[in-house]
């Protein structure tokens, strides 16, 4: 049974590398310009490249190449190991039941002794072996998305093969946490809010539906508990229309962009289903892979605006050791 399972997963990895899912947006293998600065967002967190490590680059086949050792460490895969064989000029990765080998100059990767042909060869540069990012992430069991506007590669280390939970299933997983979050926001109960926030990833605040993992503010639980931190002016993004920086304390930010209305009484609620679509793309599922997103929506507040003053609040939860924690708070409203 174990051999059959290993073989099945090997075939799944091979098919992922050879036949990318057609429904995915533009692939990260190919970028529009080789001069674009590329950054990695792994499980919703912007990866800070260590000093002295070579950066990803675009090769002559217009493919995004990343250092194998750097990406394996960045993905933080439990039990993963990596070995460099100088005479053979190969990098061997072992993760769970899989052995993956990239060789300098070879346009292929070996996965459990099965050879998969790639459209770009691995190559040594600045003392590191680089490989095509999609092939490397796929071989390690992950998935990725490419956002060209910001030069971001979103990597999910454990992509879900099942549809995200909705309705009663999602409510059973995060319903209590979502309700407790609304209560904490309504009362500005910082202690209660801090207990709900992810202890390692903190919570990111997005003033509009677009989530920017590079620029937007992320606070850790201890910062929410610190009165001095709460009174500090921070830049949360830029106002729609004027482009002026949003510089507010967290108390004032919450009043303008998180809880201008009592979402405990919102007439519409959902899990992992966007209730209203404005003119800005919703990229939350890319930034927060495997998340459950609770949404609360008002169609309009004042009848004189004919519904243009609609507002939505999205609370994003991701799991850690069997518990779901708050990682994102997203405001959505009409924008110009």
C-alpha atoms as a PDB file:
ATOM      1  CA  UNK A   1       0.000   0.000   0.000  1.00  0.00           C
ATOM      2  CA  UNK A   2       2.855   2.390   0.859  1.00  0.00           C
ATOM      3  CA  UNK A   3       4.568   1.751  -2.491  1.00  0.00           C
ATOM      4  CA  UNK A   4       1.315   2.383  -4.326  1.00  0.00           C
ATOM      5  CA  UNK A   5       0.807   5.658  -2.447  1.00  0.00           C
ATOM      6  CA  UNK A   6       4.346   6.844  -3.182  1.00  0.00           C
ATOM      7  CA  UNK A   7       3.973   5.959  -6.862  1.00  0.00           C
ATOM      8  CA  UNK A   8       0.632   7.763  -7.064  1.00  0.00           C
ATOM      9  CA  UNK A   9       2.045  10.937  -5.536  1.00  0.00           C
ATOM     10  CA  UNK A  10       5.090  10.784  -7.817  1.00  0.00           C
ATOM     11  CA  UNK A  11       2.786  10.639 -10.841  1.00  0.00           C
ATOM     12  CA  UNK A  12       0.834  13.578  -9.422  1.00  0.00           C
ATOM     13  CA  UNK A  13       4.007  15.654  -9.108  1.00  0.00           C
ATOM     14  CA  UNK A  14       5.059  14.753 -12.654  1.00  0.00           C
ATOM     15  CA  UNK A  15       1.674  15.723 -14.060  1.00  0.00           C
ATOM     16  CA  UNK A  16       1.831  19.032 -12.161  1.00  0.00           C
ATOM     17  CA  UNK A  17       5.170  19.868 -13.757  1.00  0.00           C
ATOM     18  CA  UNK A  18       4.230  18.765 -17.266  1.00  0.00           C
ATOM     19  CA  UNK A  19       0.654  20.025 -17.397  1.00  0.00           C
ATOM     20  CA  UNK A  20       0.116  23.240 -15.401  1.00  0.00           C
ATOM     21  CA  UNK A  21      -3.506  23.854 -14.462  1.00  0.00           C
ATOM     22  CA  UNK A  22      -5.110  25.799 -17.274  1.00  0.00           C
ATOM     23  CA  UNK A  23      -7.259  27.884 -14.954  1.00  0.00           C
ATOM     24  CA  UNK A  24      -4.263  29.454 -13.238  1.00  0.00           C
ATOM     25  CA  UNK A  25      -3.328  33.057 -14.079  1.00  0.00           C
ATOM     26  CA  UNK A  26      -0.029  34.026 -15.704  1.00  0.00           C
ATOM     27  CA  UNK A  27       2.718  31.613 -14.700  1.00  0.00           C
ATOM     28  CA  UNK A  28       5.697  32.608 -12.609  1.00  0.00           C
ATOM     29  CA  UNK A  29       7.994  30.700 -14.978  1.00  0.00           C
ATOM     30  CA  UNK A  30       7.747  33.530 -17.463  1.00  0.00           C
ATOM     31  CA  UNK A  31       8.070  37.207 -16.586  1.00  0.00           C
ATOM     32  CA  UNK A  32       7.506  40.242 -18.719  1.00  0.00           C
ATOM     33  CA  UNK A  33      10.903  41.776 -18.080  1.00  0.00           C
ATOM     34  CA  UNK A  34      14.161  40.384 -16.798  1.00  0.00           C
ATOM     35  CA  UNK A  35      14.839  43.593 -14.881  1.00  0.00           C
ATOM     36  CA  UNK A  36      11.793  43.253 -12.640  1.00  0.00           C
ATOM     37  CA  UNK A  37      12.530  42.823  -8.943  1.00  0.00           C
ATOM     38  CA  UNK A  38      11.110  39.473  -7.856  1.00  0.00           C
ATOM     39  CA  UNK A  39       9.946  38.779  -4.325  1.00  0.00           C
ATOM     40  CA  UNK A  40       8.575  35.626  -2.741  1.00  0.00           C
ATOM     41  CA  UNK A  41       5.445  35.464  -0.582  1.00  0.00           C
ATOM     42  CA  UNK A  42       5.316  32.105   1.187  1.00  0.00           C
ATOM     43  CA  UNK A  43       2.077  31.105   2.914  1.00  0.00           C
ATOM     44  CA  UNK A  44       1.114  34.785   3.058  1.00  0.00           C
ATOM     45  CA  UNK A  45       4.410  36.071   4.478  1.00  0.00           C
ATOM     46  CA  UNK A  46       6.881  38.156   2.518  1.00  0.00           C
ATOM     47  CA  UNK A  47      10.178  36.295   2.507  1.00  0.00           C
ATOM     48  CA  UNK A  48      13.151  38.444   3.489  1.00  0.00           C
ATOM     49  CA  UNK A  49      16.144  37.244   1.569  1.00  0.00           C
ATOM     50  CA  UNK A  50      19.270  36.826   3.721  1.00  0.00           C
ATOM     51  CA  UNK A  51      22.129  39.213   3.084  1.00  0.00           C
ATOM     52  CA  UNK A  52      24.641  37.779   0.648  1.00  0.00           C
ATOM     53  CA  UNK A  53      22.231  35.324  -0.957  1.00  0.00           C
ATOM     54  CA  UNK A  54      21.825  35.681  -4.747  1.00  0.00           C
ATOM     55  CA  UNK A  55      18.436  36.895  -5.893  1.00  0.00           C
ATOM     56  CA  UNK A  56      16.083  35.189  -8.345  1.00  0.00           C
ATOM     57  CA  UNK A  57      16.706  36.148 -11.970  1.00  0.00           C
ATOM     58  CA  UNK A  58      15.398  35.627 -15.506  1.00  0.00           C
ATOM     59  CA  UNK A  59      17.406  33.327 -17.761  1.00  0.00           C
ATOM     60  CA  UNK A  60      17.727  33.449 -21.547  1.00  0.00           C
ATOM     61  CA  UNK A  61      14.576  31.313 -21.934  1.00  0.00           C
ATOM     62  CA  UNK A  62      12.658  33.986 -20.004  1.00  0.00           C
ATOM     63  CA  UNK A  63      12.143  31.690 -17.035  1.00  0.00           C
ATOM     64  CA  UNK A  64      12.295  32.668 -13.378  1.00  0.00           C
ATOM     65  CA  UNK A  65      15.242  30.926 -11.716  1.00  0.00           C
ATOM     66  CA  UNK A  66      15.658  30.631  -7.938  1.00  0.00           C
ATOM     67  CA  UNK A  67      18.461  29.218  -5.771  1.00  0.00           C
ATOM     68  CA  UNK A  68      17.407  25.692  -4.801  1.00  0.00           C
ATOM     69  CA  UNK A  69      18.879  25.815  -1.295  1.00  0.00           C
ATOM     70  CA  UNK A  70      17.369  29.216  -0.533  1.00  0.00           C
ATOM     71  CA  UNK A  71      13.856  28.241  -1.613  1.00  0.00           C
ATOM     72  CA  UNK A  72      13.896  24.943   0.288  1.00  0.00           C
ATOM     73  CA  UNK A  73      14.843  26.808   3.468  1.00  0.00           C
ATOM     74  CA  UNK A  74      12.304  29.571   2.772  1.00  0.00           C
ATOM     75  CA  UNK A  75       9.476  27.053   2.364  1.00  0.00           C
ATOM     76  CA  UNK A  76      10.317  25.723   5.860  1.00  0.00           C
ATOM     77  CA  UNK A  77       9.254  22.173   5.062  1.00  0.00           C
ATOM     78  CA  UNK A  78       9.386  19.927   8.147  1.00  0.00           C
ATOM     79  CA  UNK A  79      12.058  17.257   7.786  1.00  0.00           C
ATOM     80  CA  UNK A  80      13.282  18.439   4.386  1.00  0.00           C
ATOM     81  CA  UNK A  81      16.991  18.002   3.688  1.00  0.00           C
ATOM     82  CA  UNK A  82      19.273  19.138   0.899  1.00  0.00           C
ATOM     83  CA  UNK A  83      22.689  17.881  -0.220  1.00  0.00           C
ATOM     84  CA  UNK A  84      25.194  19.236  -2.732  1.00  0.00           C
ATOM     85  CA  UNK A  85      27.405  16.791  -4.675  1.00  0.00           C
ATOM     86  CA  UNK A  86      30.320  18.783  -6.087  1.00  0.00           C
ATOM     87  CA  UNK A  87      31.760  16.110  -8.468  1.00  0.00           C
ATOM     88  CA  UNK A  88      28.314  15.334  -9.915  1.00  0.00           C
ATOM     89  CA  UNK A  89      27.192  18.973  -9.641  1.00  0.00           C
ATOM     90  CA  UNK A  90      23.801  17.923  -8.352  1.00  0.00           C
ATOM     91  CA  UNK A  91      21.465  19.051  -5.602  1.00  0.00           C
ATOM     92  CA  UNK A  92      19.462  16.287  -3.936  1.00  0.00           C
ATOM     93  CA  UNK A  93      16.413  17.127  -1.855  1.00  0.00           C
ATOM     94  CA  UNK A  94      14.595  14.678   0.365  1.00  0.00           C
ATOM     95  CA  UNK A  95      11.150  15.502   1.645  1.00  0.00           C
ATOM     96  CA  UNK A  96       8.692  12.998   3.150  1.00  0.00           C
ATOM     97  CA  UNK A  97       8.946   9.949   0.833  1.00  0.00           C
ATOM     98  CA  UNK A  98      10.356  11.840  -2.146  1.00  0.00           C
ATOM     99  CA  UNK A  99      13.855  12.277  -3.532  1.00  0.00           C
ATOM    100  CA  UNK A 100      14.305  15.128  -6.011  1.00  0.00           C
ATOM    101  CA  UNK A 101      17.518  15.739  -7.963  1.00  0.00           C
ATOM    102  CA  UNK A 102      18.483  18.772 -10.053  1.00  0.00           C
ATOM    103  CA  UNK A 103      21.718  18.660 -12.054  1.00  0.00           C
ATOM    104  CA  UNK A 104      23.705  21.613 -13.409  1.00  0.00           C
ATOM    105  CA  UNK A 105      23.137  21.915 -17.156  1.00  0.00           C
ATOM    106  CA  UNK A 106      20.286  19.387 -17.271  1.00  0.00           C
ATOM    107  CA  UNK A 107      16.858  20.449 -18.533  1.00  0.00           C
ATOM    108  CA  UNK A 108      15.202  17.793 -16.388  1.00  0.00           C
ATOM    109  CA  UNK A 109      14.524  16.844 -12.793  1.00  0.00           C
ATOM    110  CA  UNK A 110      14.521  13.349 -11.299  1.00  0.00           C
ATOM    111  CA  UNK A 111      11.659  12.639  -8.896  1.00  0.00           C
ATOM    112  CA  UNK A 112      11.877   9.242  -7.225  1.00  0.00           C
ATOM    113  CA  UNK A 113      13.946   8.027 -10.211  1.00  0.00           C
ATOM    114  CA  UNK A 114      11.391   9.265 -12.730  1.00  0.00           C
ATOM    115  CA  UNK A 115      12.793  11.864 -15.140  1.00  0.00           C
ATOM    116  CA  UNK A 116      10.689  14.907 -15.976  1.00  0.00           C
ATOM    117  CA  UNK A 117      11.817  17.073 -18.894  1.00  0.00           C
ATOM    118  CA  UNK A 118      11.815  20.829 -18.254  1.00  0.00           C
ATOM    119  CA  UNK A 119      11.907  23.720 -20.705  1.00  0.00           C
ATOM    120  CA  UNK A 120      14.890  25.305 -18.959  1.00  0.00           C
ATOM    121  CA  UNK A 121      18.038  23.805 -17.481  1.00  0.00           C
ATOM    122  CA  UNK A 122      19.279  24.153 -13.924  1.00  0.00           C
ATOM    123  CA  UNK A 123      22.491  26.164 -13.754  1.00  0.00           C
ATOM    124  CA  UNK A 124      25.111  27.312 -11.283  1.00  0.00           C
ATOM    125  CA  UNK A 125      25.361  31.036 -10.685  1.00  0.00           C
ATOM    126  CA  UNK A 126      27.111  32.938  -7.911  1.00  0.00           C
ATOM    127  CA  UNK A 127      27.994  29.674  -6.230  1.00  0.00           C
ATOM    128  CA  UNK A 128      24.401  28.410  -6.073  1.00  0.00           C
ATOM    129  CA  UNK A 129      22.440  25.958  -8.187  1.00  0.00           C
ATOM    130  CA  UNK A 130      19.369  27.667  -9.654  1.00  0.00           C
ATOM    131  CA  UNK A 131      16.286  25.881 -10.997  1.00  0.00           C
ATOM    132  CA  UNK A 132      13.013  27.013 -12.608  1.00  0.00           C
ATOM    133  CA  UNK A 133      10.767  28.125  -9.760  1.00  0.00           C
ATOM    134  CA  UNK A 134       7.612  26.326 -10.897  1.00  0.00           C
ATOM    135  CA  UNK A 135       9.439  23.014 -11.319  1.00  0.00           C
ATOM    136  CA  UNK A 136      11.093  23.354  -7.913  1.00  0.00           C
ATOM    137  CA  UNK A 137       7.934  24.340  -6.027  1.00  0.00           C
ATOM    138  CA  UNK A 138       5.888  21.639  -7.767  1.00  0.00           C
ATOM    139  CA  UNK A 139       8.465  18.967  -7.009  1.00  0.00           C
ATOM    140  CA  UNK A 140       8.260  19.900  -3.320  1.00  0.00           C
ATOM    141  CA  UNK A 141       4.484  19.507  -3.363  1.00  0.00           C
ATOM    142  CA  UNK A 142       3.643  23.218  -3.404  1.00  0.00           C
ATOM    143  CA  UNK A 143       1.828  25.517  -5.800  1.00  0.00           C
ATOM    144  CA  UNK A 144       2.368  29.080  -6.920  1.00  0.00           C
ATOM    145  CA  UNK A 145       0.766  32.116  -8.516  1.00  0.00           C
ATOM    146  CA  UNK A 146       2.417  35.060 -10.250  1.00  0.00           C
ATOM    147  CA  UNK A 147       1.380  38.696  -9.842  1.00  0.00           C
ATOM    148  CA  UNK A 148       3.103  40.714 -12.534  1.00  0.00           C
ATOM    149  CA  UNK A 149       2.138  44.192 -11.309  1.00  0.00           C
ATOM    150  CA  UNK A 150       4.195  43.859  -8.132  1.00  0.00           C
ATOM    151  CA  UNK A 151       6.652  41.180  -9.209  1.00  0.00           C
ATOM    152  CA  UNK A 152       5.413  38.769  -6.540  1.00  0.00           C
ATOM    153  CA  UNK A 153       5.481  34.979  -6.560  1.00  0.00           C
ATOM    154  CA  UNK A 154       2.901  33.566  -4.147  1.00  0.00           C
ATOM    155  CA  UNK A 155       3.898  30.117  -2.891  1.00  0.00           C
ATOM    156  CA  UNK A 156       1.683  27.742  -0.931  1.00  0.00           C
ATOM    157  CA  UNK A 157       3.726  24.971   0.639  1.00  0.00           C
ATOM    158  CA  UNK A 158       0.740  22.705   1.190  1.00  0.00           C
ATOM    159  CA  UNK A 159      -1.874  23.412  -1.478  1.00  0.00           C
ATOM    160  CA  UNK A 160      -5.285  22.002  -0.716  1.00  0.00           C
ATOM    161  CA  UNK A 161      -6.694  19.520  -3.208  1.00  0.00           C
ATOM    162  CA  UNK A 162     -10.217  19.977  -1.853  1.00  0.00           C
ATOM    163  CA  UNK A 163     -12.578  22.895  -2.284  1.00  0.00           C
ATOM    164  CA  UNK A 164     -12.304  25.443   0.546  1.00  0.00           C
ATOM    165  CA  UNK A 165     -14.873  24.906   3.295  1.00  0.00           C
ATOM    166  CA  UNK A 166     -18.018  26.999   3.169  1.00  0.00           C
ATOM    167  CA  UNK A 167     -21.273  27.219   5.084  1.00  0.00           C
ATOM    168  CA  UNK A 168     -21.706  25.012   8.114  1.00  0.00           C
ATOM    169  CA  UNK A 169     -18.343  23.280   7.634  1.00  0.00           C
ATOM    170  CA  UNK A 170     -16.444  26.574   7.779  1.00  0.00           C
ATOM    171  CA  UNK A 171     -18.626  27.827  10.609  1.00  0.00           C
ATOM    172  CA  UNK A 172     -17.742  24.772  12.683  1.00  0.00           C
ATOM    173  CA  UNK A 173     -14.027  25.508  12.176  1.00  0.00           C
ATOM    174  CA  UNK A 174     -13.863  29.277  12.716  1.00  0.00           C
ATOM    175  CA  UNK A 175     -17.351  30.489  13.660  1.00  0.00           C
ATOM    176  CA  UNK A 176     -16.471  31.091  17.296  1.00  0.00           C
ATOM    177  CA  UNK A 177     -13.201  32.849  16.421  1.00  0.00           C
ATOM    178  CA  UNK A 178     -14.937  35.076  13.873  1.00  0.00           C
ATOM    179  CA  UNK A 179     -17.643  36.071  16.343  1.00  0.00           C
ATOM    180  CA  UNK A 180     -15.051  36.735  19.044  1.00  0.00           C
ATOM    181  CA  UNK A 181     -13.061  38.883  16.593  1.00  0.00           C
ATOM    182  CA  UNK A 182     -16.109  41.039  15.839  1.00  0.00           C
ATOM    183  CA  UNK A 183     -16.713  41.478  19.560  1.00  0.00           C
ATOM    184  CA  UNK A 184     -13.085  42.455  20.178  1.00  0.00           C
ATOM    185  CA  UNK A 185     -13.126  44.950  17.293  1.00  0.00           C
ATOM    186  CA  UNK A 186     -16.447  46.448  18.380  1.00  0.00           C
ATOM    187  CA  UNK A 187     -15.220  46.969  21.934  1.00  0.00           C
ATOM    188  CA  UNK A 188     -11.582  47.657  20.995  1.00  0.00           C
ATOM    189  CA  UNK A 189     -10.669  44.886  23.410  1.00  0.00           C
ATOM    190  CA  UNK A 190      -6.978  44.580  22.554  1.00  0.00           C
ATOM    191  CA  UNK A 191      -6.326  41.700  24.914  1.00  0.00           C
ATOM    192  CA  UNK A 192      -9.072  39.587  23.385  1.00  0.00           C
ATOM    193  CA  UNK A 193      -7.972  40.530  19.857  1.00  0.00           C
ATOM    194  CA  UNK A 194      -4.333  39.655  20.568  1.00  0.00           C
ATOM    195  CA  UNK A 195      -5.340  36.157  21.713  1.00  0.00           C
ATOM    196  CA  UNK A 196      -7.065  35.568  18.376  1.00  0.00           C
ATOM    197  CA  UNK A 197      -4.106  36.701  16.239  1.00  0.00           C
ATOM    198  CA  UNK A 198      -1.673  34.192  14.748  1.00  0.00           C
ATOM    199  CA  UNK A 199       1.315  34.026  17.138  1.00  0.00           C
ATOM    200  CA  UNK A 200       3.895  33.660  14.358  1.00  0.00           C
ATOM    201  CA  UNK A 201       2.396  35.548  11.408  1.00  0.00           C
ATOM    202  CA  UNK A 202       0.536  38.352  13.151  1.00  0.00           C
ATOM    203  CA  UNK A 203      -2.388  40.074  11.443  1.00  0.00           C
ATOM    204  CA  UNK A 204      -2.183  42.170   8.268  1.00  0.00           C
ATOM    205  CA  UNK A 205      -4.490  45.172   7.764  1.00  0.00           C
ATOM    206  CA  UNK A 206      -5.700  45.924   4.228  1.00  0.00           C
ATOM    207  CA  UNK A 207      -7.596  49.228   3.808  1.00  0.00           C
ATOM    208  CA  UNK A 208      -9.115  48.069   0.513  1.00  0.00           C
ATOM    209  CA  UNK A 209      -9.806  44.684  -1.082  1.00  0.00           C
ATOM    210  CA  UNK A 210      -6.348  44.358  -2.655  1.00  0.00           C
ATOM    211  CA  UNK A 211      -3.911  42.732  -0.219  1.00  0.00           C
ATOM    212  CA  UNK A 212      -0.338  43.998  -0.552  1.00  0.00           C
ATOM    213  CA  UNK A 213       2.066  41.765   1.414  1.00  0.00           C
ATOM    214  CA  UNK A 214       4.945  44.161   0.758  1.00  0.00           C
ATOM    215  CA  UNK A 215       3.548  47.525   1.859  1.00  0.00           C
ATOM    216  CA  UNK A 216       0.617  46.894   4.186  1.00  0.00           C
ATOM    217  CA  UNK A 217       1.034  46.917   7.960  1.00  0.00           C
ATOM    218  CA  UNK A 218       1.242  43.657   9.882  1.00  0.00           C
ATOM    219  CA  UNK A 219       1.063  43.663  13.681  1.00  0.00           C
ATOM    220  CA  UNK A 220       2.037  40.942  16.124  1.00  0.00           C
ATOM    221  CA  UNK A 221      -0.042  40.117  19.235  1.00  0.00           C
ATOM    222  CA  UNK A 222       2.413  41.880  21.559  1.00  0.00           C
ATOM    223  CA  UNK A 223       2.126  45.093  19.531  1.00  0.00           C
ATOM    224  CA  UNK A 224      -1.652  45.076  19.952  1.00  0.00           C
ATOM    225  CA  UNK A 225      -1.187  44.776  23.708  1.00  0.00           C
ATOM    226  CA  UNK A 226       1.268  47.678  23.934  1.00  0.00           C
ATOM    227  CA  UNK A 227      -0.506  51.023  24.498  1.00  0.00           C
ATOM    228  CA  UNK A 228       2.466  52.947  23.100  1.00  0.00           C
ATOM    229  CA  UNK A 229       2.370  50.851  19.928  1.00  0.00           C
ATOM    230  CA  UNK A 230      -1.366  51.436  19.588  1.00  0.00           C
ATOM    231  CA  UNK A 231      -0.953  55.221  19.792  1.00  0.00           C
ATOM    232  CA  UNK A 232       1.845  55.255  17.212  1.00  0.00           C
ATOM    233  CA  UNK A 233       1.053  56.741  13.801  1.00  0.00           C
ATOM    234  CA  UNK A 234       1.540  54.168  11.057  1.00  0.00           C
ATOM    235  CA  UNK A 235       1.157  54.195   7.301  1.00  0.00           C
ATOM    236  CA  UNK A 236      -1.524  51.662   6.380  1.00  0.00           C
ATOM    237  CA  UNK A 237      -1.612  52.249   2.648  1.00  0.00           C
ATOM    238  CA  UNK A 238      -2.939  55.043   0.429  1.00  0.00           C
ATOM    239  CA  UNK A 239      -6.344  56.676   0.200  1.00  0.00           C
ATOM    240  CA  UNK A 240      -8.346  55.777  -2.861  1.00  0.00           C
ATOM    241  CA  UNK A 241      -8.751  58.695  -5.244  1.00  0.00           C
ATOM    242  CA  UNK A 242      -6.139  61.064  -3.791  1.00  0.00           C
ATOM    243  CA  UNK A 243      -3.277  58.624  -3.327  1.00  0.00           C
ATOM    244  CA  UNK A 244      -2.381  60.334  -0.045  1.00  0.00           C
ATOM    245  CA  UNK A 245      -0.796  58.105   2.604  1.00  0.00           C
ATOM    246  CA  UNK A 246      -3.122  56.705   5.263  1.00  0.00           C
ATOM    247  CA  UNK A 247      -1.303  57.776   8.425  1.00  0.00           C
ATOM    248  CA  UNK A 248      -3.316  56.924  11.524  1.00  0.00           C
ATOM    249  CA  UNK A 249      -3.043  55.289  14.908  1.00  0.00           C
ATOM    250  CA  UNK A 250      -4.574  51.837  15.026  1.00  0.00           C
ATOM    251  CA  UNK A 251      -7.540  53.167  17.012  1.00  0.00           C
ATOM    252  CA  UNK A 252      -8.332  55.701  14.280  1.00  0.00           C
ATOM    253  CA  UNK A 253      -7.615  53.195  11.523  1.00  0.00           C
ATOM    254  CA  UNK A 254     -10.139  50.797  13.016  1.00  0.00           C
ATOM    255  CA  UNK A 255     -12.806  53.499  13.076  1.00  0.00           C
ATOM    256  CA  UNK A 256     -12.257  54.399   9.413  1.00  0.00           C
ATOM    257  CA  UNK A 257     -11.292  51.133   7.734  1.00  0.00           C
ATOM    258  CA  UNK A 258     -12.233  48.208   9.960  1.00  0.00           C
ATOM    259  CA  UNK A 259     -15.276  48.922  12.091  1.00  0.00           C
ATOM    260  CA  UNK A 260     -17.121  52.036  10.875  1.00  0.00           C
ATOM    261  CA  UNK A 261     -20.335  50.030  11.272  1.00  0.00           C
ATOM    262  CA  UNK A 262     -21.352  47.287  13.653  1.00  0.00           C
ATOM    263  CA  UNK A 263     -20.700  44.183  11.587  1.00  0.00           C
ATOM    264  CA  UNK A 264     -22.257  42.038  14.297  1.00  0.00           C
ATOM    265  CA  UNK A 265     -25.574  43.158  12.756  1.00  0.00           C
ATOM    266  CA  UNK A 266     -24.536  42.767   9.113  1.00  0.00           C
ATOM    267  CA  UNK A 267     -27.471  41.325   7.128  1.00  0.00           C
ATOM    268  CA  UNK A 268     -25.243  39.232   4.850  1.00  0.00           C
ATOM    269  CA  UNK A 269     -22.506  36.830   5.890  1.00  0.00           C
ATOM    270  CA  UNK A 270     -20.478  34.173   4.111  1.00  0.00           C
ATOM    271  CA  UNK A 271     -17.429  31.937   4.306  1.00  0.00           C
ATOM    272  CA  UNK A 272     -14.989  31.778   1.390  1.00  0.00           C
ATOM    273  CA  UNK A 273     -17.541  33.413  -0.898  1.00  0.00           C
ATOM    274  CA  UNK A 274     -17.258  37.052  -1.921  1.00  0.00           C
ATOM    275  CA  UNK A 275     -20.619  38.743  -1.410  1.00  0.00           C
ATOM    276  CA  UNK A 276     -20.053  41.866  -3.482  1.00  0.00           C
ATOM    277  CA  UNK A 277     -17.524  42.598  -6.235  1.00  0.00           C
ATOM    278  CA  UNK A 278     -16.165  46.088  -6.655  1.00  0.00           C
ATOM    279  CA  UNK A 279     -13.748  47.243  -9.353  1.00  0.00           C
ATOM    280  CA  UNK A 280     -10.606  45.930  -7.617  1.00  0.00           C
ATOM    281  CA  UNK A 281      -9.460  42.321  -7.945  1.00  0.00           C
ATOM    282  CA  UNK A 282      -9.638  40.224  -4.798  1.00  0.00           C
ATOM    283  CA  UNK A 283      -6.285  38.462  -4.341  1.00  0.00           C
ATOM    284  CA  UNK A 284      -6.834  37.235  -0.772  1.00  0.00           C
ATOM    285  CA  UNK A 285      -6.850  33.546  -1.739  1.00  0.00           C
ATOM    286  CA  UNK A 286      -3.374  33.954  -3.256  1.00  0.00           C
ATOM    287  CA  UNK A 287      -1.910  35.776  -0.280  1.00  0.00           C
ATOM    288  CA  UNK A 288      -3.596  33.506   2.275  1.00  0.00           C
ATOM    289  CA  UNK A 289      -3.527  29.939   0.890  1.00  0.00           C
ATOM    290  CA  UNK A 290      -5.660  27.440   2.750  1.00  0.00           C
ATOM    291  CA  UNK A 291      -7.456  30.201   4.646  1.00  0.00           C
ATOM    292  CA  UNK A 292     -11.079  30.514   5.647  1.00  0.00           C
ATOM    293  CA  UNK A 293     -12.364  34.028   4.992  1.00  0.00           C
ATOM    294  CA  UNK A 294     -15.429  35.202   6.878  1.00  0.00           C
ATOM    295  CA  UNK A 295     -17.185  38.108   5.158  1.00  0.00           C
ATOM    296  CA  UNK A 296     -19.760  40.532   6.602  1.00  0.00           C
ATOM    297  CA  UNK A 297     -21.591  42.846   4.210  1.00  0.00           C
ATOM    298  CA  UNK A 298     -23.908  45.869   4.180  1.00  0.00           C
ATOM    299  CA  UNK A 299     -25.518  46.631   0.790  1.00  0.00           C
ATOM    300  CA  UNK A 300     -25.744  50.281   1.787  1.00  0.00           C
ATOM    301  CA  UNK A 301     -25.991  52.486   4.854  1.00  0.00           C
ATOM    302  CA  UNK A 302     -27.654  55.733   3.771  1.00  0.00           C
ATOM    303  CA  UNK A 303     -30.431  55.465   1.119  1.00  0.00           C
ATOM    304  CA  UNK A 304     -29.434  58.800  -0.443  1.00  0.00           C
ATOM    305  CA  UNK A 305     -26.270  57.161  -1.865  1.00  0.00           C
ATOM    306  CA  UNK A 306     -28.164  54.464  -3.724  1.00  0.00           C
ATOM    307  CA  UNK A 307     -25.990  51.655  -2.464  1.00  0.00           C
ATOM    308  CA  UNK A 308     -22.654  53.278  -3.300  1.00  0.00           C
ATOM    309  CA  UNK A 309     -21.805  53.336   0.400  1.00  0.00           C
ATOM    310  CA  UNK A 310     -21.759  49.535   0.613  1.00  0.00           C
ATOM    311  CA  UNK A 311     -19.145  48.079   2.954  1.00  0.00           C
ATOM    312  CA  UNK A 312     -17.675  44.640   3.588  1.00  0.00           C
ATOM    313  CA  UNK A 313     -15.356  43.337   6.270  1.00  0.00           C
ATOM    314  CA  UNK A 314     -13.317  40.171   5.673  1.00  0.00           C
ATOM    315  CA  UNK A 315     -11.635  38.286   8.495  1.00  0.00           C
ATOM    316  CA  UNK A 316      -8.976  35.826   7.358  1.00  0.00           C
ATOM    317  CA  UNK A 317      -8.044  32.763   9.426  1.00  0.00           C
ATOM    318  CA  UNK A 318      -5.269  30.219   8.888  1.00  0.00           C
ATOM    319  CA  UNK A 319      -4.560  27.066  10.928  1.00  0.00           C
ATOM    320  CA  UNK A 320      -1.670  26.379  13.273  1.00  0.00           C
ATOM    321  CA  UNK A 321      -1.402  23.090  15.189  1.00  0.00           C
ATOM    322  CA  UNK A 322      -5.115  22.420  14.831  1.00  0.00           C
ATOM    323  CA  UNK A 323      -6.214  25.915  15.899  1.00  0.00           C
ATOM    324  CA  UNK A 324      -7.405  28.679  13.555  1.00  0.00           C
ATOM    325  CA  UNK A 325      -5.921  32.154  14.028  1.00  0.00           C
ATOM    326  CA  UNK A 326      -6.625  35.604  12.620  1.00  0.00           C
ATOM    327  CA  UNK A 327      -4.052  36.609   9.970  1.00  0.00           C
ATOM    328  CA  UNK A 328      -5.840  39.280   7.937  1.00  0.00           C
ATOM    329  CA  UNK A 329      -8.435  42.043   8.284  1.00  0.00           C
ATOM    330  CA  UNK A 330      -9.642  43.390   4.941  1.00  0.00           C
ATOM    331  CA  UNK A 331     -11.923  46.356   4.334  1.00  0.00           C
ATOM    332  CA  UNK A 332     -13.861  46.510   1.067  1.00  0.00           C
ATOM    333  CA  UNK A 333     -15.911  49.428  -0.210  1.00  0.00           C
ATOM    334  CA  UNK A 334     -16.731  51.402  -3.319  1.00  0.00           C
ATOM    335  CA  UNK A 335     -13.565  52.849  -4.881  1.00  0.00           C
ATOM    336  CA  UNK A 336     -13.062  55.216  -7.768  1.00  0.00           C
END
